[in-house]
C-alpha cells in the first residue's frame, strides 16, 4: 500500500504539467499573501520609536 502511494506521488512530481501547476499555485499564494499584508496602500515609514528621549 505504501509503495503504491510512493510511486503515485513520484509519478505526479515527474509530470511536468502537475509540477508546473503546483509551482504556479505556490507562487500565486505567496503573491496573494503579500498583497493582503502590504496592500493597504500606506507605504510610509512608521514613527521613530525613541522620539521622546
PDB file of N, CA and C in Angstrom:
ATOM      1  N   UNK A   1       0.825  -1.186   0.000  1.00  0.00           N
ATOM      2  CA  UNK A   1       0.000   0.000   0.000  1.00  0.00           C
ATOM      3  C   UNK A   1       0.874   1.258   0.000  1.00  0.00           C
ATOM      4  N   UNK A   2       1.886   1.306   0.862  1.00  0.00           N
ATOM      5  CA  UNK A   2       2.763   2.473   0.938  1.00  0.00           C
ATOM      6  C   UNK A   2       3.572   2.628  -0.345  1.00  0.00           C
ATOM      7  N   UNK A   3       4.026   1.524  -0.898  1.00  0.00           N
ATOM      8  CA  UNK A   3       4.802   1.599  -2.145  1.00  0.00           C
ATOM      9  C   UNK A   3       3.960   2.143  -3.290  1.00  0.00           C
ATOM     10  N   UNK A   4       2.687   1.779  -3.301  1.00  0.00           N
ATOM     11  CA  UNK A   4       1.806   2.262  -4.348  1.00  0.00           C
ATOM     12  C   UNK A   4       1.639   3.783  -4.263  1.00  0.00           C
ATOM     13  N   UNK A   5       1.451   4.300  -3.052  1.00  0.00           N
ATOM     14  CA  UNK A   5       1.302   5.745  -2.866  1.00  0.00           C
ATOM     15  C   UNK A   5       2.608   6.467  -3.186  1.00  0.00           C
ATOM     16  N   UNK A   6       3.715   5.876  -2.788  1.00  0.00           N
ATOM     17  CA  UNK A   6       5.019   6.485  -3.074  1.00  0.00           C
ATOM     18  C   UNK A   6       5.243   6.574  -4.576  1.00  0.00           C
ATOM     19  N   UNK A   7       4.932   5.516  -5.289  1.00  0.00           N
ATOM     20  CA  UNK A   7       5.090   5.515  -6.737  1.00  0.00           C
ATOM     21  C   UNK A   7       4.150   6.528  -7.390  1.00  0.00           C
ATOM     22  N   UNK A   8       2.926   6.624  -6.891  1.00  0.00           N
ATOM     23  CA  UNK A   8       1.957   7.569  -7.419  1.00  0.00           C
ATOM     24  C   UNK A   8       2.430   9.011  -7.236  1.00  0.00           C
ATOM     25  N   UNK A   9       2.945   9.323  -6.058  1.00  0.00           N
ATOM     26  CA  UNK A   9       3.427  10.679  -5.780  1.00  0.00           C
ATOM     27  C   UNK A   9       4.656  10.989  -6.627  1.00  0.00           C
ATOM     28  N   UNK A  10       5.542  10.031  -6.797  1.00  0.00           N
ATOM     29  CA  UNK A  10       6.724  10.246  -7.645  1.00  0.00           C
ATOM     30  C   UNK A  10       6.333  10.484  -9.093  1.00  0.00           C
ATOM     31  N   UNK A  11       5.328   9.762  -9.569  1.00  0.00           N
ATOM     32  CA  UNK A  11       4.871   9.961 -10.938  1.00  0.00           C
ATOM     33  C   UNK A  11       4.225  11.340 -11.103  1.00  0.00           C
ATOM     34  N   UNK A  12       3.504  11.793 -10.086  1.00  0.00           N
ATOM     35  CA  UNK A  12       2.922  13.131 -10.135  1.00  0.00           C
ATOM     36  C   UNK A  12       4.009  14.198 -10.176  1.00  0.00           C
ATOM     37  N   UNK A  13       5.038  14.034  -9.356  1.00  0.00           N
ATOM     38  CA  UNK A  13       6.134  15.007  -9.320  1.00  0.00           C
ATOM     39  C   UNK A  13       6.929  15.000 -10.621  1.00  0.00           C
ATOM     40  N   UNK A  14       6.987  13.871 -11.285  1.00  0.00           N
ATOM     41  CA  UNK A  14       7.737  13.780 -12.535  1.00  0.00           C
ATOM     42  C   UNK A  14       6.961  14.378 -13.704  1.00  0.00           C
ATOM     43  N   UNK A  15       5.644  14.477 -13.580  1.00  0.00           N
ATOM     44  CA  UNK A  15       4.831  15.045 -14.644  1.00  0.00           C
ATOM     45  C   UNK A  15       5.051  16.555 -14.689  1.00  0.00           C
ATOM     46  N   UNK A  16       5.453  17.069 -15.844  1.00  0.00           N
ATOM     47  CA  UNK A  16       5.804  18.481 -15.933  1.00  0.00           C
ATOM     48  C   UNK A  16       4.590  19.391 -15.800  1.00  0.00           C
ATOM     49  N   UNK A  17       3.422  18.933 -16.199  1.00  0.00           N
ATOM     50  CA  UNK A  17       2.213  19.758 -16.080  1.00  0.00           C
ATOM     51  C   UNK A  17       1.781  19.889 -14.627  1.00  0.00           C
ATOM     52  N   UNK A  18       1.867  18.804 -13.894  1.00  0.00           N
ATOM     53  CA  UNK A  18       1.492  18.832 -12.473  1.00  0.00           C
ATOM     54  C   UNK A  18       2.489  19.684 -11.700  1.00  0.00           C
ATOM     55  N   UNK A  19       3.759  19.496 -11.995  1.00  0.00           N
ATOM     56  CA  UNK A  19       4.799  20.278 -11.319  1.00  0.00           C
ATOM     57  C   UNK A  19       4.664  21.772 -11.625  1.00  0.00           C
ATOM     58  N   UNK A  20       4.425  22.100 -12.881  1.00  0.00           N
ATOM     59  CA  UNK A  20       4.239  23.498 -13.260  1.00  0.00           C
ATOM     60  C   UNK A  20       3.011  24.113 -12.610  1.00  0.00           C
ATOM     61  N   UNK A  21       1.928  23.348 -12.549  1.00  0.00           N
ATOM     62  CA  UNK A  21       0.716  23.840 -11.899  1.00  0.00           C
ATOM     63  C   UNK A  21       0.912  24.037 -10.406  1.00  0.00           C
ATOM     64  N   UNK A  22       1.620  23.122  -9.772  1.00  0.00           N
ATOM     65  CA  UNK A  22       1.871  23.238  -8.332  1.00  0.00           C
ATOM     66  C   UNK A  22       2.763  24.443  -8.033  1.00  0.00           C
ATOM     67  N   UNK A  23       3.784  24.658  -8.844  1.00  0.00           N
ATOM     68  CA  UNK A  23       4.654  25.821  -8.643  1.00  0.00           C
ATOM     69  C   UNK A  23       3.906  27.128  -8.881  1.00  0.00           C
ATOM     70  N   UNK A  24       3.043  27.152  -9.894  1.00  0.00           N
ATOM     71  CA  UNK A  24       2.245  28.342 -10.163  1.00  0.00           C
ATOM     72  C   UNK A  24       1.319  28.646  -8.993  1.00  0.00           C
ATOM     73  N   UNK A  25       0.677  27.634  -8.467  1.00  0.00           N
ATOM     74  CA  UNK A  25      -0.204  27.805  -7.313  1.00  0.00           C
ATOM     75  C   UNK A  25       0.583  28.267  -6.088  1.00  0.00           C
ATOM     76  N   UNK A  26       1.766  27.733  -5.896  1.00  0.00           N
ATOM     77  CA  UNK A  26       2.619  28.099  -4.771  1.00  0.00           C
ATOM     78  C   UNK A  26       2.995  29.581  -4.833  1.00  0.00           C
ATOM     79  N   UNK A  27       3.486  30.026  -5.994  1.00  0.00           N
ATOM     80  CA  UNK A  27       3.901  31.423  -6.128  1.00  0.00           C
ATOM     81  C   UNK A  27       2.707  32.380  -6.122  1.00  0.00           C
ATOM     82  N   UNK A  28       1.581  31.957  -6.667  1.00  0.00           N
ATOM     83  CA  UNK A  28       0.382  32.794  -6.626  1.00  0.00           C
ATOM     84  C   UNK A  28      -0.094  32.977  -5.187  1.00  0.00           C
ATOM     85  N   UNK A  29       0.018  31.928  -4.378  1.00  0.00           N
ATOM     86  CA  UNK A  29      -0.356  32.026  -2.968  1.00  0.00           C
ATOM     87  C   UNK A  29       0.550  33.004  -2.232  1.00  0.00           C
ATOM     88  N   UNK A  30       1.840  32.967  -2.529  1.00  0.00           N
ATOM     89  CA  UNK A  30       2.775  33.910  -1.913  1.00  0.00           C
ATOM     90  C   UNK A  30       2.427  35.342  -2.310  1.00  0.00           C
ATOM     91  N   UNK A  31       2.148  35.576  -3.593  1.00  0.00           N
ATOM     92  CA  UNK A  31       1.806  36.915  -4.049  1.00  0.00           C
ATOM     93  C   UNK A  31       0.517  37.423  -3.410  1.00  0.00           C
ATOM     94  N   UNK A  32      -0.488  36.575  -3.308  1.00  0.00           N
ATOM     95  CA  UNK A  32      -1.744  36.979  -2.674  1.00  0.00           C
ATOM     96  C   UNK A  32      -1.508  37.305  -1.204  1.00  0.00           C
ATOM     97  N   UNK A  33      -0.691  36.515  -0.531  1.00  0.00           N
ATOM     98  CA  UNK A  33      -0.370  36.795   0.866  1.00  0.00           C
ATOM     99  C   UNK A  33       0.333  38.122   1.039  1.00  0.00           C
ATOM    100  N   UNK A  34       1.273  38.431   0.153  1.00  0.00           N
ATOM    101  CA  UNK A  34       1.977  39.713   0.222  1.00  0.00           C
ATOM    102  C   UNK A  34       1.043  40.876  -0.070  1.00  0.00           C
ATOM    103  N   UNK A  35       0.147  40.696  -1.003  1.00  0.00           N
ATOM    104  CA  UNK A  35      -0.823  41.750  -1.307  1.00  0.00           C
ATOM    105  C   UNK A  35      -1.746  41.977  -0.118  1.00  0.00           C
ATOM    106  N   UNK A  36      -2.160  40.914   0.540  1.00  0.00           N
ATOM    107  CA  UNK A  36      -3.010  41.059   1.717  1.00  0.00           C
ATOM    108  C   UNK A  36      -2.272  41.738   2.866  1.00  0.00           C
ATOM    109  N   UNK A  37      -0.988  41.442   3.015  1.00  0.00           N
ATOM    110  CA  UNK A  37      -0.214  42.047   4.092  1.00  0.00           C
ATOM    111  C   UNK A  37       0.111  43.512   3.826  1.00  0.00           C
ATOM    112  N   UNK A  38       0.527  43.815   2.604  1.00  0.00           N
ATOM    113  CA  UNK A  38       1.047  45.140   2.303  1.00  0.00           C
ATOM    114  C   UNK A  38       0.177  45.927   1.332  1.00  0.00           C
ATOM    115  N   UNK A  39      -0.989  45.447   1.021  1.00  0.00           N
ATOM    116  CA  UNK A  39      -1.828  46.102   0.032  1.00  0.00           C
ATOM    117  C   UNK A  39      -2.705  47.200   0.582  1.00  0.00           C
ATOM    118  N   UNK A  40      -2.424  47.680   1.749  1.00  0.00           N
ATOM    119  CA  UNK A  40      -3.236  48.740   2.348  1.00  0.00           C
ATOM    120  C   UNK A  40      -3.036  50.066   1.636  1.00  0.00           C
ATOM    121  N   UNK A  41      -1.953  50.222   0.923  1.00  0.00           N
ATOM    122  CA  UNK A  41      -1.680  51.443   0.189  1.00  0.00           C
ATOM    123  C   UNK A  41      -0.888  52.459   0.989  1.00  0.00           C
ATOM    124  N   UNK A  42      -0.604  52.173   2.234  1.00  0.00           N
ATOM    125  CA  UNK A  42       0.160  53.091   3.068  1.00  0.00           C
ATOM    126  C   UNK A  42       1.569  52.537   3.222  1.00  0.00           C
ATOM    127  N   UNK A  43       2.480  53.048   2.420  1.00  0.00           N
ATOM    128  CA  UNK A  43       3.849  52.558   2.444  1.00  0.00           C
ATOM    129  C   UNK A  43       4.782  53.521   3.160  1.00  0.00           C
ATOM    130  N   UNK A  44       4.229  54.398   3.989  1.00  0.00           N
ATOM    131  CA  UNK A  44       5.067  55.334   4.723  1.00  0.00           C
ATOM    132  C   UNK A  44       5.775  54.614   5.866  1.00  0.00           C
ATOM    133  N   UNK A  45       6.887  55.165   6.269  1.00  0.00           N
ATOM    134  CA  UNK A  45       7.642  54.553   7.353  1.00  0.00           C
ATOM    135  C   UNK A  45       6.970  54.860   8.689  1.00  0.00           C
ATOM    136  N   UNK A  46       7.061  53.958   9.642  1.00  0.00           N
ATOM    137  CA  UNK A  46       6.444  54.212  10.949  1.00  0.00           C
ATOM    138  C   UNK A  46       7.217  55.291  11.711  1.00  0.00           C
ATOM    139  N   UNK A  47       6.579  55.857  12.723  1.00  0.00           N
ATOM    140  CA  UNK A  47       7.242  56.863  13.548  1.00  0.00           C
ATOM    141  C   UNK A  47       8.409  56.237  14.294  1.00  0.00           C
ATOM    142  N   UNK A  48       9.421  57.047  14.511  1.00  0.00           N
ATOM    143  CA  UNK A  48      10.600  56.568  15.244  1.00  0.00           C
ATOM    144  C   UNK A  48      10.216  56.281  16.693  1.00  0.00           C
ATOM    145  N   UNK A  49      10.560  55.123  17.191  1.00  0.00           N
ATOM    146  CA  UNK A  49      10.082  54.690  18.488  1.00  0.00           C
ATOM    147  C   UNK A  49      10.717  55.482  19.646  1.00  0.00           C
ATOM    148  N   UNK A  50      11.935  55.991  19.472  1.00  0.00           N
ATOM    149  CA  UNK A  50      12.647  56.679  20.559  1.00  0.00           C
ATOM    150  C   UNK A  50      12.563  58.197  20.404  1.00  0.00           C
ATOM    151  N   UNK A  51      11.520  58.703  19.826  1.00  0.00           N
ATOM    152  CA  UNK A  51      11.402  60.127  19.580  1.00  0.00           C
ATOM    153  C   UNK A  51      11.268  60.937  20.863  1.00  0.00           C
ATOM    154  N   UNK A  52      10.764  60.347  21.915  1.00  0.00           N
ATOM    155  CA  UNK A  52      10.532  61.068  23.144  1.00  0.00           C
ATOM    156  C   UNK A  52      11.777  61.235  24.002  1.00  0.00           C
ATOM    157  N   UNK A  53      12.870  60.615  23.667  1.00  0.00           N
ATOM    158  CA  UNK A  53      14.073  60.688  24.500  1.00  0.00           C
ATOM    159  C   UNK A  53      14.935  61.856  24.137  1.00  0.00           C
TER     160      UNK A  53
END
